[in-house]
Amino acid sequence: MFLGSPPLRSASTPSHASTQTRRKNTNTNTVAARVAKKGDASQSEPVFTSPPDLEALNSPKEHGSAPAATATKSSASSATKKPSQNINIIPIGRWADGIPSAMGGHYLPSGSLAPLSNSKGPGIDIEPLYFDYPSSEVDTRVLVYDTPYAAAGGLAEEVAGASKAAIAAKGSFTIALSGGSLVKSLNALVARTDVDFSKWYVLFSDERVVSLSSADSNYKAAADEFLSKVPIPSSQILKIKEGLTASQTAEHYAGQMLDLSEGILPRFGAEKLPVLDMVLLGVGPDGHVASLFPNRNETAACADAGWVIPVVDSPKPPSARITLTMPVINAAKKVVVCALGEGKSEVVQRALEVQSLPGALPVQLVRPQEGLVWMLDTKSAQALSTGTWEDKKAYPRSEFAS
């Protein structure tokens, strides 16, 4: 997902005293290639030219002499002229039996040894890229509040509205929580009387493979800050099973999700992905969401990898974790990314205004069914240039990018 693509769709000021910006994010990338043509532009046969003789070009020349790189087919000396040591000229048809299985191993002008190459030819046996540029659009709302307290009130409104709609439609509400400071923002829901917590089913977008009483446990943080203060039945809070490996924990947690009926957790598409009503995500300074870190196999996992996968060597401790996959996150009806405080300003600006390579900023791959909501405060939004979002020429790059 590239949140740095134009244009902004509309702007308004919502009733809860935040600044709301809605923009249509696209991610279409065009690579232009130029090919030299023979004759006029309508001909398709490319013209190949021999490289110049660099030694001749670099040698001193007398005034009035012909260009040293000029050669004619009748010149006898051209056949015996030594090429520059800086150019490796490979005549067409040099290998009657095809390209050698390995090349390299020769000494470079610097004296170092050239690495061996095992290429079988252009496009043959190449490892595919983990990530692709998404070609579809995602409708994104960006809400900016004056303070974290005001943002918590806005988050409560979003969650309460999604809960009411889901319970009216199917009699239950499924929500996936994240760890970190996000759960503290849910305290604004505790005093509300218009939320039917008895119909809630709570999951976690990721969890550390630790004891449920550990300070590193996302469940413990959520229980201390929110879950213990609202009447959600304990049986409707999906927790990890203690004492298992990361792989066993992921398998067990996915089994708990599968045990929920399709009336509670509908399935979507040919892959039968679970459709959560809402996923709440924080975002790390490196752009990671849940436990999906930049340029990692877990972040690139496809739908057939499963709903929940293990992470055994997380770059952020604890190293053993489980996480929902990106396809499961994107199958959700609504995803809210909450990023508050000055410490989030750089990653917020990068995510919303700078086009990154696929996988380099995992939050840009978040593309849910019915739109994405970013909840910010003035400090986390301070590096954004929202006044230029309607200027198509300003994107996908911005002055903040190097």
Protein backbone atom coordinates (compact mmCIF):
# COMPACT_ATOMS: atom_id res chain seq x y z
CA MET A 1 0.00 0.00 0.00
CA PHE A 2 1.33 3.33 -0.83
CA LEU A 3 -0.19 6.04 1.22
CA GLY A 4 2.01 8.57 -0.50
CA SER A 5 0.07 8.54 -3.77
CA PRO A 6 -2.24 11.39 -4.83
CA PRO A 7 -4.84 12.73 -4.79
CA LEU A 8 -6.60 13.88 -1.64
CA ARG A 9 -10.32 13.37 -2.03
CA SER A 10 -11.93 15.78 0.38
CA ALA A 11 -11.32 17.66 3.57
CA SER A 12 -13.69 18.56 6.36
CA THR A 13 -13.80 19.30 10.07
CA PRO A 14 -15.71 16.64 12.04
CA SER A 15 -17.91 17.43 14.99
CA HIS A 16 -15.42 15.99 17.52
CA ALA A 17 -13.02 18.92 17.01
CA SER A 18 -10.38 16.99 15.12
CA THR A 19 -9.03 17.70 11.69
CA GLN A 20 -10.17 15.07 9.23
CA THR A 21 -8.67 14.52 5.84
CA ARG A 22 -9.85 11.90 3.39
CA ARG A 23 -7.70 10.94 0.47
CA LYS A 24 -7.84 8.31 -2.23
CA ASN A 25 -4.55 6.47 -2.22
CA THR A 26 -3.36 4.83 -5.39
CA ASN A 27 -0.22 2.95 -6.11
CA THR A 28 0.41 2.71 -9.80
CA ASN A 29 4.03 2.74 -10.87
CA THR A 30 5.17 3.04 -14.46
CA VAL A 31 8.69 2.18 -15.52
CA ALA A 32 9.70 3.73 -18.81
CA ALA A 33 12.34 2.03 -20.93
CA ARG A 34 14.01 3.53 -23.98
CA VAL A 35 15.23 1.37 -26.86
CA ALA A 36 17.32 2.71 -29.72
CA LYS A 37 15.55 2.07 -33.01
CA LYS A 38 16.86 1.64 -36.49
CA GLY A 39 15.39 4.12 -38.96
CA ASP A 40 12.12 5.79 -38.02
CA ALA A 41 10.19 5.35 -34.75
CA SER A 42 7.82 2.77 -36.24
CA GLN A 43 10.53 0.15 -36.66
CA SER A 44 11.02 -2.28 -33.79
CA GLU A 45 14.49 -3.76 -34.41
CA PRO A 46 16.99 -2.43 -31.85
CA VAL A 47 20.37 -1.12 -32.93
CA PHE A 48 23.40 -2.52 -31.15
CA THR A 49 26.62 -0.53 -31.23
CA SER A 50 30.11 -1.58 -30.22
CA PRO A 51 31.59 0.08 -27.11
CA PRO A 52 34.28 2.68 -27.69
CA ASP A 53 37.95 1.97 -27.07
CA LEU A 54 38.47 3.67 -23.70
CA GLU A 55 42.23 3.46 -23.92
CA ALA A 56 42.17 5.34 -27.20
CA LEU A 57 39.66 7.86 -25.87
CA ASN A 58 41.75 8.53 -22.79
CA SER A 59 45.09 8.85 -24.63
CA PRO A 60 46.42 12.35 -25.55
CA LYS A 61 45.46 13.51 -29.05
CA GLU A 62 47.10 16.00 -31.38
CA HIS A 63 45.07 18.84 -32.79
CA GLY A 64 43.52 17.93 -36.11
CA SER A 65 43.67 14.17 -35.64
CA ALA A 66 40.61 12.01 -36.26
CA PRO A 67 38.54 10.88 -33.23
CA ALA A 68 40.29 7.96 -31.61
CA ALA A 69 37.04 5.99 -31.23
CA THR A 70 36.32 6.07 -34.97
CA ALA A 71 36.70 2.72 -36.74
CA THR A 72 35.77 1.34 -40.17
CA LYS A 73 34.99 -2.18 -41.27
CA SER A 74 38.00 -2.14 -43.64
CA SER A 75 40.48 -1.24 -40.91
CA ALA A 76 42.86 -4.14 -40.37
CA SER A 77 44.03 -2.81 -37.04
CA SER A 78 40.53 -2.97 -35.52
CA ALA A 79 40.63 -6.77 -35.42
CA THR A 80 43.86 -6.88 -33.40
CA LYS A 81 43.35 -3.87 -31.16
CA LYS A 82 43.36 -4.84 -27.47
CA PRO A 83 40.24 -3.80 -25.59
CA SER A 84 40.51 -1.76 -22.42
CA GLN A 85 40.95 -3.82 -19.26
CA ASN A 86 37.90 -1.99 -17.91
CA ILE A 87 35.54 -3.41 -20.52
CA ASN A 88 34.64 -7.06 -20.87
CA ILE A 89 33.55 -7.43 -24.52
CA ILE A 90 31.74 -10.71 -25.13
CA PRO A 91 31.24 -11.36 -28.86
CA ILE A 92 27.86 -12.82 -29.82
CA GLY A 93 28.09 -16.58 -30.26
CA ARG A 94 31.24 -16.97 -28.18
CA TRP A 95 29.92 -20.10 -26.48
CA ALA A 96 28.66 -22.73 -28.93
CA ASP A 97 27.09 -24.72 -26.10
CA GLY A 98 25.41 -21.78 -24.39
CA ILE A 99 26.30 -19.55 -21.45
CA PRO A 100 28.73 -21.24 -19.01
CA SER A 101 27.26 -22.47 -15.74
CA ALA A 102 29.56 -20.14 -13.81
CA MET A 103 31.50 -17.00 -14.66
CA GLY A 104 33.75 -14.67 -12.73
CA GLY A 105 36.67 -15.60 -10.53
CA HIS A 106 39.04 -13.28 -12.38
CA TYR A 107 41.05 -10.46 -10.85
CA LEU A 108 39.63 -6.95 -11.09
CA PRO A 109 41.81 -3.89 -11.78
CA SER A 110 41.68 -3.19 -8.04
CA GLY A 111 43.37 -6.53 -7.36
CA SER A 112 40.31 -8.07 -5.72
CA LEU A 113 38.77 -11.30 -6.96
CA ALA A 114 35.52 -11.02 -8.93
CA PRO A 115 32.70 -13.05 -7.37
CA LEU A 116 31.44 -16.12 -9.14
CA SER A 117 28.12 -15.84 -10.98
CA ASN A 118 25.88 -18.84 -11.44
CA SER A 119 23.32 -17.09 -13.64
CA LYS A 120 21.72 -19.30 -16.26
CA GLY A 121 20.63 -16.33 -18.31
CA PRO A 122 18.18 -13.43 -18.17
CA GLY A 123 15.03 -14.30 -16.26
CA ILE A 124 15.97 -17.95 -15.67
CA ASP A 125 15.59 -19.43 -12.17
CA ILE A 126 15.25 -16.03 -10.53
CA GLU A 127 13.87 -15.80 -7.00
CA PRO A 128 10.60 -13.83 -7.14
CA LEU A 129 10.27 -10.61 -5.18
CA TYR A 130 8.48 -11.00 -1.87
CA PHE A 131 6.40 -7.88 -2.33
CA ASP A 132 4.48 -6.31 -5.19
CA TYR A 133 3.19 -2.80 -5.63
CA PRO A 134 -0.60 -2.97 -5.06
CA SER A 135 -2.48 -1.68 -8.07
CA SER A 136 -5.83 -1.00 -6.39
CA GLU A 137 -6.95 1.98 -4.33
CA VAL A 138 -7.71 2.25 -0.65
CA ASP A 139 -9.90 4.95 0.82
CA THR A 140 -8.10 6.45 3.82
CA ARG A 141 -9.29 8.85 6.51
CA VAL A 142 -6.70 10.75 8.49
CA LEU A 143 -8.00 12.18 11.78
CA VAL A 144 -5.83 14.66 13.68
CA TYR A 145 -6.77 15.54 17.28
CA ASP A 146 -5.44 18.29 19.51
CA THR A 147 -4.32 15.96 22.31
CA PRO A 148 -3.93 12.23 23.01
CA TYR A 149 -6.93 12.51 25.33
CA ALA A 150 -9.07 13.85 22.49
CA ALA A 151 -7.73 11.10 20.21
CA ALA A 152 -8.78 8.47 22.76
CA GLY A 153 -12.31 9.92 22.63
CA GLY A 154 -12.25 9.72 18.84
CA LEU A 155 -11.04 6.11 18.96
CA ALA A 156 -13.88 5.27 21.35
CA GLU A 157 -16.35 6.70 18.83
CA GLU A 158 -14.88 4.62 16.00
CA VAL A 159 -14.96 1.41 18.04
CA ALA A 160 -18.43 2.03 19.45
CA GLY A 161 -19.81 2.73 15.99
CA ALA A 162 -18.27 -0.42 14.52
CA SER A 163 -19.52 -2.47 17.47
CA LYS A 164 -23.09 -1.22 17.10
CA ALA A 165 -23.13 -1.90 13.36
CA ALA A 166 -21.71 -5.42 13.68
CA ILE A 167 -24.05 -6.46 16.50
CA ALA A 168 -27.03 -5.15 14.54
CA ALA A 169 -25.92 -7.11 11.47
CA LYS A 170 -24.87 -10.47 12.96
CA GLY A 171 -25.29 -10.35 16.72
CA SER A 172 -21.59 -10.13 17.62
CA PHE A 173 -18.52 -7.92 17.31
CA THR A 174 -14.99 -9.23 16.69
CA ILE A 175 -12.03 -6.97 17.37
CA ALA A 176 -8.29 -7.58 17.28
CA LEU A 177 -6.16 -5.53 19.67
CA SER A 178 -2.48 -4.65 19.54
CA GLY A 179 -0.02 -4.17 22.37
CA GLY A 180 1.94 -1.10 23.31
CA SER A 181 0.33 2.17 24.26
CA LEU A 182 -2.73 1.66 22.07
CA VAL A 183 -4.74 -0.24 24.69
CA LYS A 184 -4.47 2.73 27.06
CA SER A 185 -6.52 4.75 24.57
CA LEU A 186 -9.40 2.28 24.98
CA ASN A 187 -10.08 3.51 28.50
CA ALA A 188 -12.52 6.02 27.03
CA LEU A 189 -14.83 3.08 26.29
CA VAL A 190 -15.07 1.94 29.90
CA ALA A 191 -17.71 4.44 31.03
CA ARG A 192 -19.88 4.15 27.91
CA THR A 193 -23.32 2.65 28.30
CA ASP A 194 -24.11 2.36 24.59
CA VAL A 195 -21.69 -0.54 23.97
CA ASP A 196 -22.86 -4.15 24.47
CA PHE A 197 -19.64 -5.76 25.66
CA SER A 198 -21.34 -9.11 26.18
CA LYS A 199 -21.38 -9.57 22.39
CA TRP A 200 -17.68 -8.85 21.96
CA TYR A 201 -15.05 -11.40 20.88
CA VAL A 202 -11.53 -10.13 21.50
CA LEU A 203 -8.44 -11.35 19.66
CA PHE A 204 -4.89 -10.05 19.42
CA SER A 205 -3.24 -9.02 16.18
CA ASP A 206 0.01 -10.34 17.64
CA GLU A 207 1.28 -11.76 20.89
CA ARG A 208 4.61 -12.48 22.50
CA VAL A 209 5.22 -16.14 23.37
CA VAL A 210 5.57 -15.52 27.08
CA SER A 211 3.58 -16.22 30.22
CA LEU A 212 0.22 -14.44 30.34
CA SER A 213 1.39 -12.79 33.56
CA SER A 214 4.58 -11.46 31.98
CA ALA A 215 5.07 -7.74 31.56
CA ASP A 216 5.79 -8.49 27.86
CA SER A 217 2.36 -10.06 27.33
CA ASN A 218 -0.03 -8.09 25.14
CA TYR A 219 -2.89 -9.87 26.86
CA LYS A 220 -1.72 -8.70 30.30
CA ALA A 221 -1.39 -5.09 29.11
CA ALA A 222 -4.89 -5.19 27.60
CA ALA A 223 -6.34 -6.83 30.71
CA ASP A 224 -4.76 -4.30 33.05
CA GLU A 225 -5.73 -1.24 31.02
CA PHE A 226 -9.10 -2.23 29.56
CA LEU A 227 -10.43 -5.80 29.54
CA SER A 228 -10.68 -6.13 33.33
CA LYS A 229 -12.81 -2.98 33.44
CA VAL A 230 -15.56 -4.04 30.99
CA PRO A 231 -18.00 -7.01 31.13
CA ILE A 232 -16.62 -9.12 28.27
CA PRO A 233 -17.03 -12.86 29.06
CA SER A 234 -13.62 -14.45 29.66
CA SER A 235 -14.45 -17.27 27.23
CA GLN A 236 -14.77 -14.66 24.48
CA ILE A 237 -11.23 -13.38 24.90
CA LEU A 238 -8.83 -15.49 22.83
CA LYS A 239 -5.54 -15.96 24.67
CA ILE A 240 -2.45 -17.95 23.78
CA LYS A 241 -1.76 -21.28 25.45
CA GLU A 242 1.30 -21.12 27.68
CA GLY A 243 4.26 -23.51 27.49
CA LEU A 244 4.30 -24.01 23.71
CA THR A 245 6.82 -23.12 21.04
CA ALA A 246 6.10 -20.23 18.68
CA SER A 247 4.95 -22.61 15.94
CA GLN A 248 2.71 -24.57 18.31
CA THR A 249 1.32 -21.34 19.75
CA ALA A 250 0.43 -20.01 16.29
CA GLU A 251 -1.27 -23.27 15.38
CA HIS A 252 -3.25 -23.35 18.62
CA TYR A 253 -4.33 -19.72 18.28
CA ALA A 254 -5.49 -20.25 14.69
CA GLY A 255 -7.46 -23.24 15.98
CA GLN A 256 -9.29 -21.00 18.46
CA MET A 257 -10.22 -18.67 15.62
CA LEU A 258 -11.45 -21.60 13.52
CA ASP A 259 -13.63 -22.70 16.42
CA LEU A 260 -15.64 -19.48 16.11
CA SER A 261 -18.66 -20.04 13.93
CA GLU A 262 -19.01 -18.26 10.61
CA GLY A 263 -21.89 -16.35 12.15
CA ILE A 264 -19.38 -14.75 14.52
CA LEU A 265 -16.31 -14.76 12.27
CA PRO A 266 -17.41 -14.86 8.61
CA ARG A 267 -15.07 -16.13 5.89
CA PHE A 268 -14.14 -14.16 2.80
CA GLY A 269 -13.07 -15.01 -0.74
CA ALA A 270 -11.68 -18.19 -2.25
CA GLU A 271 -9.10 -18.40 0.55
CA LYS A 272 -11.87 -18.30 3.19
CA LEU A 273 -10.05 -15.65 5.19
CA PRO A 274 -11.63 -14.60 8.49
CA VAL A 275 -13.44 -11.27 8.40
CA LEU A 276 -12.81 -9.41 11.63
CA ASP A 277 -15.10 -6.47 12.26
CA MET A 278 -12.22 -4.26 13.39
CA VAL A 279 -8.45 -4.42 13.79
CA LEU A 280 -6.66 -1.84 15.94
CA LEU A 281 -2.99 -1.38 15.10
CA GLY A 282 -0.14 0.66 16.44
CA VAL A 283 2.86 1.40 14.27
CA GLY A 284 6.52 1.12 15.20
CA PRO A 285 9.23 3.62 14.26
CA ASP A 286 10.33 1.22 11.50
CA GLY A 287 6.77 1.03 10.14
CA HIS A 288 6.00 -2.43 11.50
CA VAL A 289 2.45 -3.40 12.45
CA ALA A 290 1.46 -6.36 14.63
CA SER A 291 4.68 -8.45 14.46
CA LEU A 292 5.14 -7.88 10.72
CA PHE A 293 8.53 -6.22 10.39
CA PRO A 294 10.16 -4.62 7.32
CA ASN A 295 11.39 -6.91 4.53
CA ARG A 296 10.60 -10.12 6.39
CA ASN A 297 9.16 -13.40 5.15
CA GLU A 298 6.34 -13.14 7.70
CA THR A 299 5.30 -9.76 6.29
CA ALA A 300 5.24 -11.25 2.78
CA ALA A 301 3.25 -14.33 3.80
CA CYS A 302 0.37 -15.12 1.45
CA ALA A 303 -3.12 -16.29 2.36
CA ASP A 304 -2.11 -19.95 2.09
CA ALA A 305 0.44 -19.50 4.89
CA GLY A 306 -2.38 -19.63 7.42
CA TRP A 307 -4.25 -17.13 9.56
CA VAL A 308 -1.65 -16.96 12.34
CA ILE A 309 2.07 -17.53 11.83
CA PRO A 310 5.07 -17.79 14.17
CA VAL A 311 7.91 -15.29 14.39
CA VAL A 312 10.96 -16.95 15.91
CA ASP A 313 13.60 -14.25 15.48
CA SER A 314 11.83 -10.93 15.91
CA PRO A 315 14.17 -7.94 15.53
CA LYS A 316 12.43 -6.50 18.58
CA PRO A 317 12.46 -8.51 21.83
CA PRO A 318 10.99 -10.84 22.87
CA SER A 319 12.14 -12.80 19.82
CA ALA A 320 9.39 -15.46 19.86
CA ARG A 321 5.96 -14.20 18.78
CA ILE A 322 2.86 -15.02 16.80
CA THR A 323 1.05 -12.64 14.44
CA LEU A 324 -1.93 -12.37 12.16
CA THR A 325 -0.80 -12.34 8.54
CA MET A 326 -1.21 -9.30 6.33
CA PRO A 327 -3.96 -11.00 4.26
CA VAL A 328 -5.96 -11.58 7.47
CA ILE A 329 -5.50 -7.97 8.56
CA ASN A 330 -6.59 -6.76 5.12
CA ALA A 331 -9.66 -9.03 5.14
CA ALA A 332 -11.02 -7.05 8.12
CA LYS A 333 -13.92 -4.69 7.55
CA LYS A 334 -12.15 -1.77 9.19
CA VAL A 335 -8.58 -1.14 10.34
CA VAL A 336 -7.56 1.74 12.58
CA VAL A 337 -3.90 2.73 12.88
CA CYS A 338 -3.34 4.77 16.03
CA ALA A 339 -0.10 6.78 16.27
CA LEU A 340 0.17 9.41 18.99
CA GLY A 341 3.00 11.57 20.27
CA GLU A 342 6.02 13.32 18.80
CA GLY A 343 7.96 10.07 18.64
CA LYS A 344 5.64 8.83 15.88
CA SER A 345 5.92 11.93 13.67
CA GLU A 346 8.65 10.61 11.39
CA VAL A 347 7.05 7.24 10.63
CA VAL A 348 3.64 8.91 10.17
CA GLN A 349 5.11 11.30 7.60
CA ARG A 350 6.93 8.50 5.80
CA ALA A 351 3.85 6.29 5.72
CA LEU A 352 1.45 8.95 4.48
CA GLU A 353 3.64 11.05 2.20
CA VAL A 354 6.66 9.04 1.03
CA GLN A 355 6.46 6.20 -1.44
CA SER A 356 8.54 3.35 -0.04
CA LEU A 357 9.67 0.14 -1.69
CA PRO A 358 7.21 -2.70 -1.11
CA GLY A 359 7.85 -4.31 2.26
CA ALA A 360 10.16 -1.56 3.50
CA LEU A 361 7.31 0.05 5.43
CA PRO A 362 4.80 -2.69 6.36
CA VAL A 363 2.10 -0.22 7.44
CA GLN A 364 1.83 0.84 3.78
CA LEU A 365 0.70 -2.71 2.95
CA VAL A 366 -2.37 -2.39 5.19
CA ARG A 367 -5.34 -2.19 2.83
CA PRO A 368 -8.61 -3.34 4.46
CA GLN A 369 -11.93 -4.03 2.75
CA GLU A 370 -13.81 -0.89 3.67
CA GLY A 371 -11.11 1.67 4.22
CA LEU A 372 -8.36 2.62 6.57
CA VAL A 373 -8.42 5.15 9.41
CA TRP A 374 -5.34 6.88 10.81
CA MET A 375 -5.80 8.48 14.23
CA LEU A 376 -3.16 11.09 15.08
CA ASP A 377 -2.61 13.98 17.44
CA THR A 378 -1.00 17.30 16.57
CA LYS A 379 2.46 16.10 17.65
CA SER A 380 2.47 12.90 15.60
CA ALA A 381 1.08 14.85 12.60
CA GLN A 382 3.49 17.78 12.88
CA ALA A 383 5.70 16.69 9.95
CA LEU A 384 2.79 16.24 7.52
CA SER A 385 2.25 18.72 4.70
CA THR A 386 -1.51 18.27 4.41
CA GLY A 387 -1.86 21.63 2.66
CA THR A 388 -0.17 20.17 -0.42
CA TRP A 389 -2.10 16.89 -0.56
CA GLU A 390 -4.26 18.12 -3.43
CA ASP A 391 -1.18 19.03 -5.46
CA LYS A 392 -0.64 15.97 -7.64
CA LYS A 393 2.81 17.17 -8.63
CA ALA A 394 3.96 16.98 -5.01
CA TYR A 395 3.60 13.21 -4.83
CA PRO A 396 4.76 10.53 -4.33
CA ARG A 397 7.72 12.44 -2.88
CA SER A 398 7.72 15.28 -0.39
CA GLU A 399 10.23 17.75 1.00
CA PHE A 400 10.70 15.56 4.08
CA ALA A 401 12.14 12.74 1.97
CA SER A 402 15.82 12.71 1.24
